[in-house]
Amino acid sequence: MTKNLFDDLVFDKSSEKLETLIENEKVKIEKIITSGQASKKGFWYDQEWDEFVVVLEGSAQITFETKQVTLEKGDFLYIKAHERHHVSWSDPNIVTLWLAVYIKEDKN
């Protein structure tokens, strides 16, 4: 299967777009498109899986309990499982394209 991550980059202020590219019991890879969206007020992600995320286009900010991280085109971030965070903002003027890789720890 061949696809291009930059296909279907539609600016849509009404909602973000999530597309699972690959998923199995150990890894999930997701394409995320935002156009100014952010996490709902008071919401925190508290994920079971580690996450590696890279911004391929646009910019955004992720807030942790103790810090904020601004991501520009090409920046990436590793988020450990259960490290509470949320998306504070994504660029409201252009499409922000994220690639998220979720990694499940092997407990064996």
PDB file of N, CA and C in Angstrom:
ATOM      1  N   MET A   1       0.843  -1.189   0.000  1.00  0.00           N
ATOM      2  CA  MET A   1       0.000   0.000   0.000  1.00  0.00           C
ATOM      3  C   MET A   1       0.886   1.249   0.000  1.00  0.00           C
ATOM      4  N   THR A   2       0.615   2.148  -0.902  1.00  0.00           N
ATOM      5  CA  THR A   2       1.333   3.410  -0.966  1.00  0.00           C
ATOM      6  C   THR A   2       0.337   4.549  -0.890  1.00  0.00           C
ATOM      7  N   LYS A   3       0.611   5.490   0.009  1.00  0.00           N
ATOM      8  CA  LYS A   3      -0.195   6.708   0.129  1.00  0.00           C
ATOM      9  C   LYS A   3       0.762   7.851   0.416  1.00  0.00           C
ATOM     10  N   ASN A   4       0.274   9.060   0.331  1.00  0.00           N
ATOM     11  CA  ASN A   4       1.071  10.239   0.634  1.00  0.00           C
ATOM     12  C   ASN A   4       0.459  10.957   1.829  1.00  0.00           C
ATOM     13  N   LEU A   5       1.264  11.240   2.846  1.00  0.00           N
ATOM     14  CA  LEU A   5       0.767  11.912   4.053  1.00  0.00           C
ATOM     15  C   LEU A   5       0.197  13.294   3.764  1.00  0.00           C
ATOM     16  N   PHE A   6       0.638  13.914   2.679  1.00  0.00           N
ATOM     17  CA  PHE A   6       0.204  15.272   2.371  1.00  0.00           C
ATOM     18  C   PHE A   6      -1.074  15.318   1.523  1.00  0.00           C
ATOM     19  N   ASP A   7      -1.594  14.151   1.162  1.00  0.00           N
ATOM     20  CA  ASP A   7      -2.878  14.109   0.464  1.00  0.00           C
ATOM     21  C   ASP A   7      -3.988  14.500   1.432  1.00  0.00           C
ATOM     22  N   ASP A   8      -5.010  15.121   0.935  1.00  0.00           N
ATOM     23  CA  ASP A   8      -6.214  15.443   1.718  1.00  0.00           C
ATOM     24  C   ASP A   8      -5.966  16.409   2.879  1.00  0.00           C
ATOM     25  N   LEU A   9      -5.067  17.359   2.698  1.00  0.00           N
ATOM     26  CA  LEU A   9      -4.839  18.370   3.737  1.00  0.00           C
ATOM     27  C   LEU A   9      -5.877  19.480   3.578  1.00  0.00           C
ATOM     28  N   VAL A  10      -7.043  19.256   4.125  1.00  0.00           N
ATOM     29  CA  VAL A  10      -8.153  20.185   3.994  1.00  0.00           C
ATOM     30  C   VAL A  10      -8.250  21.041   5.247  1.00  0.00           C
ATOM     31  N   PHE A  11      -8.274  22.362   5.070  1.00  0.00           N
ATOM     32  CA  PHE A  11      -8.452  23.290   6.185  1.00  0.00           C
ATOM     33  C   PHE A  11      -9.912  23.239   6.611  1.00  0.00           C
ATOM     34  N   ASP A  12     -10.153  22.823   7.855  1.00  0.00           N
ATOM     35  CA  ASP A  12     -11.517  22.669   8.356  1.00  0.00           C
ATOM     36  C   ASP A  12     -11.568  23.097   9.812  1.00  0.00           C
ATOM     37  N   LYS A  13     -12.047  24.312  10.053  1.00  0.00           N
ATOM     38  CA  LYS A  13     -12.109  24.834  11.416  1.00  0.00           C
ATOM     39  C   LYS A  13     -13.149  24.118  12.284  1.00  0.00           C
ATOM     40  N   SER A  14     -14.045  23.343  11.665  1.00  0.00           N
ATOM     41  CA  SER A  14     -15.119  22.712  12.437  1.00  0.00           C
ATOM     42  C   SER A  14     -14.659  21.474  13.206  1.00  0.00           C
ATOM     43  N   SER A  15     -13.627  20.784  12.705  1.00  0.00           N
ATOM     44  CA  SER A  15     -13.169  19.594  13.423  1.00  0.00           C
ATOM     45  C   SER A  15     -11.797  19.150  12.938  1.00  0.00           C
ATOM     46  N   GLU A  16     -11.093  18.433  13.832  1.00  0.00           N
ATOM     47  CA  GLU A  16      -9.837  17.836  13.410  1.00  0.00           C
ATOM     48  C   GLU A  16     -10.136  16.528  12.692  1.00  0.00           C
ATOM     49  N   LYS A  17      -9.159  16.059  11.919  1.00  0.00           N
ATOM     50  CA  LYS A  17      -9.338  14.817  11.176  1.00  0.00           C
ATOM     51  C   LYS A  17      -8.280  13.820  11.647  1.00  0.00           C
ATOM     52  N   LEU A  18      -8.727  12.620  12.010  1.00  0.00           N
ATOM     53  CA  LEU A  18      -7.835  11.547  12.440  1.00  0.00           C
ATOM     54  C   LEU A  18      -7.926  10.399  11.452  1.00  0.00           C
ATOM     55  N   GLU A  19      -6.772   9.860  11.075  1.00  0.00           N
ATOM     56  CA  GLU A  19      -6.754   8.702  10.189  1.00  0.00           C
ATOM     57  C   GLU A  19      -5.714   7.710  10.703  1.00  0.00           C
ATOM     58  N   THR A  20      -6.161   6.519  11.068  1.00  0.00           N
ATOM     59  CA  THR A  20      -5.231   5.476  11.478  1.00  0.00           C
ATOM     60  C   THR A  20      -4.601   4.886  10.227  1.00  0.00           C
ATOM     61  N   LEU A  21      -3.270   4.928  10.177  1.00  0.00           N
ATOM     62  CA  LEU A  21      -2.537   4.430   9.016  1.00  0.00           C
ATOM     63  C   LEU A  21      -2.143   2.972   9.195  1.00  0.00           C
ATOM     64  N   ILE A  22      -1.696   2.634  10.398  1.00  0.00           N
ATOM     65  CA  ILE A  22      -1.277   1.271  10.730  1.00  0.00           C
ATOM     66  C   ILE A  22      -1.622   1.028  12.194  1.00  0.00           C
ATOM     67  N   GLU A  23      -2.089  -0.178  12.496  1.00  0.00           N
ATOM     68  CA  GLU A  23      -2.358  -0.509  13.890  1.00  0.00           C
ATOM     69  C   GLU A  23      -2.227  -2.008  14.102  1.00  0.00           C
ATOM     70  N   ASN A  24      -1.515  -2.368  15.172  1.00  0.00           N
ATOM     71  CA  ASN A  24      -1.475  -3.749  15.629  1.00  0.00           C
ATOM     72  C   ASN A  24      -1.407  -3.720  17.158  1.00  0.00           C
ATOM     73  N   GLU A  25      -1.110  -4.836  17.788  1.00  0.00           N
ATOM     74  CA  GLU A  25      -1.137  -4.879  19.248  1.00  0.00           C
ATOM     75  C   GLU A  25       0.004  -4.111  19.918  1.00  0.00           C
ATOM     76  N   LYS A  26       1.041  -3.703  19.161  1.00  0.00           N
ATOM     77  CA  LYS A  26       2.184  -2.999  19.745  1.00  0.00           C
ATOM     78  C   LYS A  26       2.361  -1.561  19.266  1.00  0.00           C
ATOM     79  N   VAL A  27       1.831  -1.237  18.080  1.00  0.00           N
ATOM     80  CA  VAL A  27       2.057   0.078  17.485  1.00  0.00           C
ATOM     81  C   VAL A  27       0.781   0.571  16.800  1.00  0.00           C
ATOM     82  N   LYS A  28       0.553   1.874  16.919  1.00  0.00           N
ATOM     83  CA  LYS A  28      -0.511   2.532  16.160  1.00  0.00           C
ATOM     84  C   LYS A  28       0.090   3.804  15.576  1.00  0.00           C
ATOM     85  N   ILE A  29      -0.083   4.014  14.277  1.00  0.00           N
ATOM     86  CA  ILE A  29       0.415   5.224  13.614  1.00  0.00           C
ATOM     87  C   ILE A  29      -0.786   5.973  13.074  1.00  0.00           C
ATOM     88  N   GLU A  30      -0.853   7.252  13.410  1.00  0.00           N
ATOM     89  CA  GLU A  30      -2.041   8.048  13.105  1.00  0.00           C
ATOM     90  C   GLU A  30      -1.638   9.368  12.446  1.00  0.00           C
ATOM     91  N   LYS A  31      -2.378   9.732  11.423  1.00  0.00           N
ATOM     92  CA  LYS A  31      -2.252  11.037  10.775  1.00  0.00           C
ATOM     93  C   LYS A  31      -3.334  11.931  11.383  1.00  0.00           C
ATOM     94  N   ILE A  32      -2.938  13.113  11.839  1.00  0.00           N
ATOM     95  CA  ILE A  32      -3.875  14.045  12.469  1.00  0.00           C
ATOM     96  C   ILE A  32      -3.776  15.382  11.746  1.00  0.00           C
ATOM     97  N   ILE A  33      -4.925  15.929  11.386  1.00  0.00           N
ATOM     98  CA  ILE A  33      -4.971  17.244  10.743  1.00  0.00           C
ATOM     99  C   ILE A  33      -5.792  18.170  11.632  1.00  0.00           C
ATOM    100  N   THR A  34      -5.179  19.276  12.053  1.00  0.00           N
ATOM    101  CA  THR A  34      -5.899  20.280  12.836  1.00  0.00           C
ATOM    102  C   THR A  34      -5.856  21.617  12.102  1.00  0.00           C
ATOM    103  N   SER A  35      -6.863  22.421  12.379  1.00  0.00           N
ATOM    104  CA  SER A  35      -6.978  23.757  11.777  1.00  0.00           C
ATOM    105  C   SER A  35      -7.459  24.724  12.847  1.00  0.00           C
ATOM    106  N   GLY A  36      -6.662  24.845  13.897  1.00  0.00           N
ATOM    107  CA  GLY A  36      -7.022  25.726  15.000  1.00  0.00           C
ATOM    108  C   GLY A  36      -7.659  25.017  16.184  1.00  0.00           C
ATOM    109  N   GLN A  37      -7.846  23.703  16.094  1.00  0.00           N
ATOM    110  CA  GLN A  37      -8.468  22.984  17.203  1.00  0.00           C
ATOM    111  C   GLN A  37      -7.497  22.832  18.382  1.00  0.00           C
ATOM    112  N   ALA A  38      -8.079  22.645  19.541  1.00  0.00           N
ATOM    113  CA  ALA A  38      -7.332  22.394  20.775  1.00  0.00           C
ATOM    114  C   ALA A  38      -8.166  21.439  21.622  1.00  0.00           C
ATOM    115  N   SER A  39      -7.557  20.899  22.659  1.00  0.00           N
ATOM    116  CA  SER A  39      -8.296  20.037  23.584  1.00  0.00           C
ATOM    117  C   SER A  39      -9.351  20.849  24.308  1.00  0.00           C
ATOM    118  N   LYS A  40     -10.436  20.194  24.676  1.00  0.00           N
ATOM    119  CA  LYS A  40     -11.486  20.872  25.424  1.00  0.00           C
ATOM    120  C   LYS A  40     -10.963  21.331  26.774  1.00  0.00           C
ATOM    121  N   LYS A  41     -11.462  22.463  27.233  1.00  0.00           N
ATOM    122  CA  LYS A  41     -11.036  23.035  28.506  1.00  0.00           C
ATOM    123  C   LYS A  41     -11.196  21.998  29.619  1.00  0.00           C
ATOM    124  N   GLY A  42     -10.145  21.801  30.404  1.00  0.00           N
ATOM    125  CA  GLY A  42     -10.170  20.866  31.517  1.00  0.00           C
ATOM    126  C   GLY A  42      -9.845  19.427  31.149  1.00  0.00           C
ATOM    127  N   PHE A  43      -9.716  19.125  29.838  1.00  0.00           N
ATOM    128  CA  PHE A  43      -9.426  17.759  29.389  1.00  0.00           C
ATOM    129  C   PHE A  43      -7.930  17.502  29.414  1.00  0.00           C
ATOM    130  N   TRP A  44      -7.543  16.314  29.869  1.00  0.00           N
ATOM    131  CA  TRP A  44      -6.145  15.876  29.845  1.00  0.00           C
ATOM    132  C   TRP A  44      -6.077  14.476  29.237  1.00  0.00           C
ATOM    133  N   TYR A  45      -5.157  14.287  28.290  1.00  0.00           N
ATOM    134  CA  TYR A  45      -4.863  12.934  27.825  1.00  0.00           C
ATOM    135  C   TYR A  45      -4.081  12.225  28.921  1.00  0.00           C
ATOM    136  N   ASP A  46      -4.420  10.978  29.178  1.00  0.00           N
ATOM    137  CA  ASP A  46      -3.709  10.118  30.130  1.00  0.00           C
ATOM    138  C   ASP A  46      -3.672   8.740  29.488  1.00  0.00           C
ATOM    139  N   GLN A  47      -2.771   8.586  28.532  1.00  0.00           N
ATOM    140  CA  GLN A  47      -2.763   7.447  27.627  1.00  0.00           C
ATOM    141  C   GLN A  47      -2.032   6.238  28.185  1.00  0.00           C
ATOM    142  N   GLU A  48      -2.490   5.077  27.788  1.00  0.00           N
ATOM    143  CA  GLU A  48      -1.858   3.812  28.162  1.00  0.00           C
ATOM    144  C   GLU A  48      -0.556   3.588  27.378  1.00  0.00           C
ATOM    145  N   TRP A  49      -0.439   4.193  26.210  1.00  0.00           N
ATOM    146  CA  TRP A  49       0.696   3.971  25.318  1.00  0.00           C
ATOM    147  C   TRP A  49       1.643   5.164  25.326  1.00  0.00           C
ATOM    148  N   ASP A  50       2.946   4.919  25.108  1.00  0.00           N
ATOM    149  CA  ASP A  50       3.896   5.990  24.839  1.00  0.00           C
ATOM    150  C   ASP A  50       3.531   6.587  23.483  1.00  0.00           C
ATOM    151  N   GLU A  51       3.897   7.859  23.279  1.00  0.00           N
ATOM    152  CA  GLU A  51       3.574   8.516  22.010  1.00  0.00           C
ATOM    153  C   GLU A  51       4.774   9.307  21.508  1.00  0.00           C
ATOM    154  N   PHE A  52       5.107   9.100  20.241  1.00  0.00           N
ATOM    155  CA  PHE A  52       6.075   9.921  19.527  1.00  0.00           C
ATOM    156  C   PHE A  52       5.263  10.718  18.527  1.00  0.00           C
ATOM    157  N   VAL A  53       5.344  12.044  18.588  1.00  0.00           N
ATOM    158  CA  VAL A  53       4.559  12.886  17.697  1.00  0.00           C
ATOM    159  C   VAL A  53       5.482  13.890  17.007  1.00  0.00           C
ATOM    160  N   VAL A  54       5.229  14.101  15.707  1.00  0.00           N
ATOM    161  CA  VAL A  54       5.993  15.074  14.930  1.00  0.00           C
ATOM    162  C   VAL A  54       5.014  15.958  14.171  1.00  0.00           C
ATOM    163  N   VAL A  55       5.326  17.245  14.111  1.00  0.00           N
ATOM    164  CA  VAL A  55       4.541  18.192  13.313  1.00  0.00           C
ATOM    165  C   VAL A  55       5.222  18.309  11.952  1.00  0.00           C
ATOM    166  N   LEU A  56       4.513  17.905  10.900  1.00  0.00           N
ATOM    167  CA  LEU A  56       5.064  17.929   9.543  1.00  0.00           C
ATOM    168  C   LEU A  56       4.755  19.233   8.818  1.00  0.00           C
ATOM    169  N   GLU A  57       3.676  19.880   9.198  1.00  0.00           N
ATOM    170  CA  GLU A  57       3.272  21.186   8.652  1.00  0.00           C
ATOM    171  C   GLU A  57       2.585  21.952   9.769  1.00  0.00           C
ATOM    172  N   GLY A  58       2.705  23.276   9.759  1.00  0.00           N
ATOM    173  CA  GLY A  58       2.000  24.101  10.722  1.00  0.00           C
ATOM    174  C   GLY A  58       2.720  24.199  12.054  1.00  0.00           C
ATOM    175  N   SER A  59       1.946  24.467  13.102  1.00  0.00           N
ATOM    176  CA  SER A  59       2.509  24.589  14.443  1.00  0.00           C
ATOM    177  C   SER A  59       1.414  24.368  15.477  1.00  0.00           C
ATOM    178  N   ALA A  60       1.848  24.040  16.678  1.00  0.00           N
ATOM    179  CA  ALA A  60       0.903  23.762  17.760  1.00  0.00           C
ATOM    180  C   ALA A  60       1.630  23.842  19.089  1.00  0.00           C
ATOM    181  N   GLN A  61       0.865  23.791  20.157  1.00  0.00           N
ATOM    182  CA  GLN A  61       1.448  23.808  21.497  1.00  0.00           C
ATOM    183  C   GLN A  61       0.804  22.707  22.329  1.00  0.00           C
ATOM    184  N   ILE A  62       1.640  21.960  23.029  1.00  0.00           N
ATOM    185  CA  ILE A  62       1.174  20.921  23.947  1.00  0.00           C
ATOM    186  C   ILE A  62       1.525  21.358  25.364  1.00  0.00           C
ATOM    187  N   THR A  63       0.547  21.252  26.249  1.00  0.00           N
ATOM    188  CA  THR A  63       0.752  21.625  27.646  1.00  0.00           C
ATOM    189  C   THR A  63       0.793  20.363  28.501  1.00  0.00           C
ATOM    190  N   PHE A  64       1.804  20.290  29.327  1.00  0.00           N
ATOM    191  CA  PHE A  64       1.939  19.247  30.336  1.00  0.00           C
ATOM    192  C   PHE A  64       1.628  19.874  31.685  1.00  0.00           C
ATOM    193  N   GLU A  65       1.583  19.084  32.730  1.00  0.00           N
ATOM    194  CA  GLU A  65       1.265  19.632  34.050  1.00  0.00           C
ATOM    195  C   GLU A  65       2.330  20.620  34.527  1.00  0.00           C
ATOM    196  N   THR A  66       3.573  20.478  34.045  1.00  0.00           N
ATOM    197  CA  THR A  66       4.652  21.346  34.530  1.00  0.00           C
ATOM    198  C   THR A  66       5.306  22.208  33.457  1.00  0.00           C
ATOM    199  N   LYS A  67       4.884  22.073  32.192  1.00  0.00           N
ATOM    200  CA  LYS A  67       5.537  22.850  31.127  1.00  0.00           C
ATOM    201  C   LYS A  67       4.655  22.916  29.889  1.00  0.00           C
ATOM    202  N   GLN A  68       5.027  23.834  28.994  1.00  0.00           N
ATOM    203  CA  GLN A  68       4.393  23.939  27.682  1.00  0.00           C
ATOM    204  C   GLN A  68       5.482  23.764  26.627  1.00  0.00           C
ATOM    205  N   VAL A  69       5.120  23.081  25.543  1.00  0.00           N
ATOM    206  CA  VAL A  69       6.060  22.848  24.450  1.00  0.00           C
ATOM    207  C   VAL A  69       5.412  23.317  23.154  1.00  0.00           C
ATOM    208  N   THR A  70       6.072  24.230  22.451  1.00  0.00           N
ATOM    209  CA  THR A  70       5.607  24.687  21.151  1.00  0.00           C
ATOM    210  C   THR A  70       6.315  23.878  20.082  1.00  0.00           C
ATOM    211  N   LEU A  71       5.543  23.336  19.162  1.00  0.00           N
ATOM    212  CA  LEU A  71       6.084  22.528  18.081  1.00  0.00           C
ATOM    213  C   LEU A  71       5.876  23.253  16.759  1.00  0.00           C
ATOM    214  N   GLU A  72       6.953  23.424  16.031  1.00  0.00           N
ATOM    215  CA  GLU A  72       6.925  24.004  14.693  1.00  0.00           C
ATOM    216  C   GLU A  72       7.205  22.889  13.688  1.00  0.00           C
ATOM    217  N   LYS A  73       7.068  23.189  12.424  1.00  0.00           N
ATOM    218  CA  LYS A  73       7.313  22.220  11.352  1.00  0.00           C
ATOM    219  C   LYS A  73       8.640  21.487  11.588  1.00  0.00           C
ATOM    220  N   GLY A  74       8.577  20.166  11.654  1.00  0.00           N
ATOM    221  CA  GLY A  74       9.767  19.340  11.844  1.00  0.00           C
ATOM    222  C   GLY A  74      10.064  18.976  13.288  1.00  0.00           C
ATOM    223  N   ASP A  75       9.445  19.654  14.238  1.00  0.00           N
ATOM    224  CA  ASP A  75       9.690  19.356  15.654  1.00  0.00           C
ATOM    225  C   ASP A  75       8.967  18.087  16.059  1.00  0.00           C
ATOM    226  N   PHE A  76       9.608  17.322  16.941  1.00  0.00           N
ATOM    227  CA  PHE A  76       8.972  16.115  17.458  1.00  0.00           C
ATOM    228  C   PHE A  76       9.103  16.060  18.965  1.00  0.00           C
ATOM    229  N   LEU A  77       8.290  15.183  19.554  1.00  0.00           N
ATOM    230  CA  LEU A  77       8.184  15.093  21.004  1.00  0.00           C
ATOM    231  C   LEU A  77       7.874  13.649  21.378  1.00  0.00           C
ATOM    232  N   TYR A  78       8.471  13.188  22.471  1.00  0.00           N
ATOM    233  CA  TYR A  78       8.181  11.857  22.993  1.00  0.00           C
ATOM    234  C   TYR A  78       7.418  12.027  24.298  1.00  0.00           C
ATOM    235  N   ILE A  79       6.250  11.416  24.375  1.00  0.00           N
ATOM    236  CA  ILE A  79       5.388  11.532  25.546  1.00  0.00           C
ATOM    237  C   ILE A  79       5.233  10.140  26.152  1.00  0.00           C
ATOM    238  N   LYS A  80       5.657   9.981  27.390  1.00  0.00           N
ATOM    239  CA  LYS A  80       5.557   8.683  28.053  1.00  0.00           C
ATOM    240  C   LYS A  80       4.112   8.366  28.411  1.00  0.00           C
ATOM    241  N   ALA A  81       3.809   7.086  28.507  1.00  0.00           N
ATOM    242  CA  ALA A  81       2.476   6.644  28.921  1.00  0.00           C
ATOM    243  C   ALA A  81       2.110   7.304  30.250  1.00  0.00           C
ATOM    244  N   HIS A  82       0.886   7.747  30.367  1.00  0.00           N
ATOM    245  CA  HIS A  82       0.321   8.384  31.562  1.00  0.00           C
ATOM    246  C   HIS A  82       0.940   9.749  31.894  1.00  0.00           C
ATOM    247  N   GLU A  83       1.688  10.325  30.971  1.00  0.00           N
ATOM    248  CA  GLU A  83       2.178  11.701  31.144  1.00  0.00           C
ATOM    249  C   GLU A  83       1.049  12.627  30.677  1.00  0.00           C
ATOM    250  N   ARG A  84       0.353  13.194  31.643  1.00  0.00           N
ATOM    251  CA  ARG A  84      -0.842  13.989  31.332  1.00  0.00           C
ATOM    252  C   ARG A  84      -0.479  15.215  30.490  1.00  0.00           C
ATOM    253  N   HIS A  85      -1.277  15.424  29.427  1.00  0.00           N
ATOM    254  CA  HIS A  85      -1.018  16.534  28.510  1.00  0.00           C
ATOM    255  C   HIS A  85      -2.286  16.854  27.734  1.00  0.00           C
ATOM    256  N   HIS A  86      -2.283  18.008  27.106  1.00  0.00           N
ATOM    257  CA  HIS A  86      -3.352  18.360  26.171  1.00  0.00           C
ATOM    258  C   HIS A  86      -2.808  19.326  25.128  1.00  0.00           C
ATOM    259  N   VAL A  87      -3.555  19.447  24.029  1.00  0.00           N
ATOM    260  CA  VAL A  87      -3.181  20.382  22.969  1.00  0.00           C
ATOM    261  C   VAL A  87      -3.763  21.739  23.344  1.00  0.00           C
ATOM    262  N   SER A  88      -2.886  22.711  23.613  1.00  0.00           N
ATOM    263  CA  SER A  88      -3.316  24.055  24.003  1.00  0.00           C
ATOM    264  C   SER A  88      -3.865  24.826  22.818  1.00  0.00           C
ATOM    265  N   TRP A  89      -3.199  24.684  21.674  1.00  0.00           N
ATOM    266  CA  TRP A  89      -3.651  25.335  20.451  1.00  0.00           C
ATOM    267  C   TRP A  89      -2.950  24.721  19.249  1.00  0.00           C
ATOM    268  N   SER A  90      -3.575  24.867  18.114  1.00  0.00           N
ATOM    269  CA  SER A  90      -2.922  24.595  16.837  1.00  0.00           C
ATOM    270  C   SER A  90      -3.186  25.824  15.964  1.00  0.00           C
ATOM    271  N   ASP A  91      -2.316  26.044  15.016  1.00  0.00           N
ATOM    272  CA  ASP A  91      -2.375  27.257  14.188  1.00  0.00           C
ATOM    273  C   ASP A  91      -3.766  27.422  13.574  1.00  0.00           C
ATOM    274  N   PRO A  92      -4.441  28.540  13.859  1.00  0.00           N
ATOM    275  CA  PRO A  92      -5.788  28.747  13.329  1.00  0.00           C
ATOM    276  C   PRO A  92      -5.826  29.238  11.877  1.00  0.00           C
ATOM    277  N   ASN A  93      -4.645  29.515  11.315  1.00  0.00           N
ATOM    278  CA  ASN A  93      -4.591  30.104   9.975  1.00  0.00           C
ATOM    279  C   ASN A  93      -4.193  29.132   8.876  1.00  0.00           C
ATOM    280  N   ILE A  94      -3.597  28.007   9.264  1.00  0.00           N
ATOM    281  CA  ILE A  94      -3.160  27.020   8.278  1.00  0.00           C
ATOM    282  C   ILE A  94      -3.395  25.615   8.833  1.00  0.00           C
ATOM    283  N   VAL A  95      -3.291  24.638   7.974  1.00  0.00           N
ATOM    284  CA  VAL A  95      -3.400  23.240   8.388  1.00  0.00           C
ATOM    285  C   VAL A  95      -2.152  22.848   9.164  1.00  0.00           C
ATOM    286  N   THR A  96      -2.356  22.172  10.296  1.00  0.00           N
ATOM    287  CA  THR A  96      -1.245  21.551  11.011  1.00  0.00           C
ATOM    288  C   THR A  96      -1.377  20.045  10.814  1.00  0.00           C
ATOM    289  N   LEU A  97      -0.320  19.456  10.262  1.00  0.00           N
ATOM    290  CA  LEU A  97      -0.285  18.022  10.000  1.00  0.00           C
ATOM    291  C   LEU A  97       0.627  17.363  11.022  1.00  0.00           C
ATOM    292  N   TRP A  98       0.060  16.435  11.779  1.00  0.00           N
ATOM    293  CA  TRP A  98       0.786  15.687  12.798  1.00  0.00           C
ATOM    294  C   TRP A  98       0.928  14.237  12.337  1.00  0.00           C
ATOM    295  N   LEU A  99       2.002  13.596  12.755  1.00  0.00           N
ATOM    296  CA  LEU A  99       2.130  12.148  12.639  1.00  0.00           C
ATOM    297  C   LEU A  99       2.395  11.643  14.050  1.00  0.00           C
ATOM    298  N   ALA A 100       1.496  10.807  14.546  1.00  0.00           N
ATOM    299  CA  ALA A 100       1.612  10.280  15.908  1.00  0.00           C
ATOM    300  C   ALA A 100       1.854   8.779  15.849  1.00  0.00           C
ATOM    301  N   VAL A 101       2.864   8.334  16.591  1.00  0.00           N
ATOM    302  CA  VAL A 101       3.182   6.921  16.693  1.00  0.00           C
ATOM    303  C   VAL A 101       3.000   6.529  18.153  1.00  0.00           C
ATOM    304  N   TYR A 102       2.052   5.627  18.407  1.00  0.00           N
ATOM    305  CA  TYR A 102       1.763   5.152  19.760  1.00  0.00           C
ATOM    306  C   TYR A 102       2.425   3.790  19.933  1.00  0.00           C
ATOM    307  N   ILE A 103       3.172   3.629  21.031  1.00  0.00           N
ATOM    308  CA  ILE A 103       3.956   2.426  21.251  1.00  0.00           C
ATOM    309  C   ILE A 103       3.527   1.803  22.573  1.00  0.00           C
ATOM    310  N   LYS A 104       3.088   0.553  22.499  1.00  0.00           N
ATOM    311  CA  LYS A 104       2.668  -0.155  23.700  1.00  0.00           C
ATOM    312  C   LYS A 104       3.864  -0.893  24.290  1.00  0.00           C
ATOM    313  N   GLU A 105       4.094  -0.695  25.567  1.00  0.00           N
ATOM    314  CA  GLU A 105       5.205  -1.344  26.248  1.00  0.00           C
ATOM    315  C   GLU A 105       4.941  -2.843  26.351  1.00  0.00           C
ATOM    316  N   ASP A 106       5.963  -3.616  26.021  1.00  0.00           N
ATOM    317  CA  ASP A 106       5.865  -5.069  26.139  1.00  0.00           C
ATOM    318  C   ASP A 106       6.158  -5.437  27.586  1.00  0.00           C
ATOM    319  N   LYS A 107       5.173  -5.962  28.300  1.00  0.00           N
ATOM    320  CA  LYS A 107       5.332  -6.250  29.731  1.00  0.00           C
ATOM    321  C   LYS A 107       5.842  -7.658  29.978  1.00  0.00           C
ATOM    322  N   ASN A 108       6.218  -8.385  28.938  1.00  0.00           N
ATOM    323  CA  ASN A 108       6.755  -9.739  29.114  1.00  0.00           C
ATOM    324  C   ASN A 108       8.247  -9.723  29.305  1.00  0.00           C
TER     325      ASN A 108
END
